[in-house]
Protein backbone atom coordinates (compact mmCIF):
# COMPACT_ATOMS: atom_id res chain seq x y z
CA MET A 1 60.37 -112.61 -162.86
CA ARG A 2 57.48 -111.38 -162.75
CA VAL A 3 54.35 -112.35 -164.91
CA ASP A 4 51.37 -109.85 -166.04
CA THR A 5 48.69 -111.49 -163.94
CA LYS A 6 46.13 -109.19 -165.49
CA ALA A 7 47.16 -110.19 -168.96
CA ILE A 8 46.67 -113.86 -167.90
CA GLU A 9 43.24 -113.50 -166.58
CA VAL A 10 41.96 -111.72 -169.52
CA LYS A 11 42.99 -114.55 -171.45
CA MET A 12 41.40 -116.96 -169.09
CA ALA A 13 38.14 -115.22 -169.66
CA GLU A 14 38.46 -115.19 -173.32
CA LEU A 15 38.82 -118.79 -173.10
CA GLY A 16 35.87 -119.05 -170.51
CA ILE A 17 38.34 -120.67 -167.94
CA LYS A 18 37.17 -119.43 -164.78
CA THR A 19 39.16 -120.98 -162.05
CA TYR A 20 42.65 -121.81 -161.36
CA VAL A 21 40.98 -125.56 -160.76
CA ASP A 22 40.11 -124.98 -164.80
CA MET A 23 43.04 -124.03 -166.03
CA ALA A 24 45.18 -126.88 -164.03
CA LYS A 25 42.75 -129.36 -165.88
CA HIS A 26 43.17 -127.62 -168.93
CA THR A 27 47.31 -127.71 -168.29
CA GLY A 28 48.24 -130.53 -166.60
CA LEU A 29 49.49 -128.72 -164.01
CA ASP A 30 48.62 -128.49 -160.66
CA ARG A 31 46.42 -125.78 -159.06
CA ILE A 32 48.87 -124.94 -156.30
CA THR A 33 51.51 -124.22 -159.15
CA ILE A 34 49.00 -122.09 -161.36
CA SER A 35 48.12 -119.93 -158.52
CA ASN A 36 51.54 -119.50 -157.47
CA VAL A 37 52.63 -118.07 -160.94
CA ILE A 38 49.80 -116.47 -161.44
CA ASN A 39 49.85 -114.56 -158.06
CA ASN A 40 53.80 -114.10 -158.42
CA LYS A 41 54.55 -116.15 -155.73
CA SER A 42 56.97 -118.60 -157.57
CA ASN A 43 58.76 -118.38 -161.12
CA PRO A 44 57.16 -120.51 -164.04
CA SER A 45 59.60 -123.58 -165.13
CA PRO A 46 59.89 -123.61 -168.54
CA GLU A 47 57.69 -126.35 -169.13
CA THR A 48 54.39 -124.26 -166.69
CA MET A 49 55.14 -120.95 -169.45
CA ASP A 50 54.60 -123.76 -172.50
CA ALA A 51 51.84 -124.92 -170.67
CA LEU A 52 50.34 -121.45 -170.31
CA TYR A 53 51.17 -120.57 -173.57
CA ARG A 54 49.91 -123.42 -174.87
CA VAL A 55 46.37 -123.50 -173.64
CA LEU A 56 46.08 -120.07 -173.38
CA GLU A 57 46.53 -119.76 -176.96
CA LEU A 58 48.88 -116.99 -176.72
CA THR A 59 51.20 -115.51 -179.75
CA PRO A 60 54.78 -115.33 -179.09
CA GLU A 61 54.95 -111.20 -178.59
CA GLU A 62 52.17 -112.09 -175.94
CA ALA A 63 53.90 -114.54 -174.13
CA GLY A 64 56.87 -112.68 -174.04
CA ARG A 65 55.32 -109.41 -172.93
CA ILE A 66 53.29 -112.15 -170.02
CA PHE A 67 56.26 -113.63 -169.30
CA PHE A 68 59.20 -111.09 -169.26
CA THR A 69 57.12 -108.38 -167.67
CA GLU A 70 60.58 -106.71 -165.84
CA LYS A 71 62.44 -104.45 -167.64
CA LEU A 72 65.21 -105.95 -169.10
CA THR A 73 67.67 -103.26 -169.69
CA TYR A 74 70.61 -102.22 -167.30
CA ASP A 75 71.24 -98.73 -165.96
CA VAL A 76 75.13 -98.23 -165.66
CA SER A 77 74.20 -94.63 -164.17
CA LYS A 78 73.40 -96.44 -161.31
CA ASP A 79 76.82 -97.91 -160.99
CA LYS A 80 78.70 -94.83 -161.50
CA GLU A 81 76.73 -93.18 -158.50
CA SER A 82 78.52 -95.81 -156.37
CA VAL A 83 81.93 -94.89 -157.45
């Protein structure tokens, strides 16, 4: 799962959260966790997504776009090509 890094950084800027250390203080999460999630080095746990959702004051729609940015449809034509 990849997160929309740009959208998270925009929301952080809008709220005056300038660094991952600041974000860690607001969320109660570890700075390394914040960095890894935002830089797509690890997938966010449900607890991490919830903390970011609350602190960044996301709408459900924004959260969906940020946390679930990968294509969610399955291309069956690829299966037919391999047969």
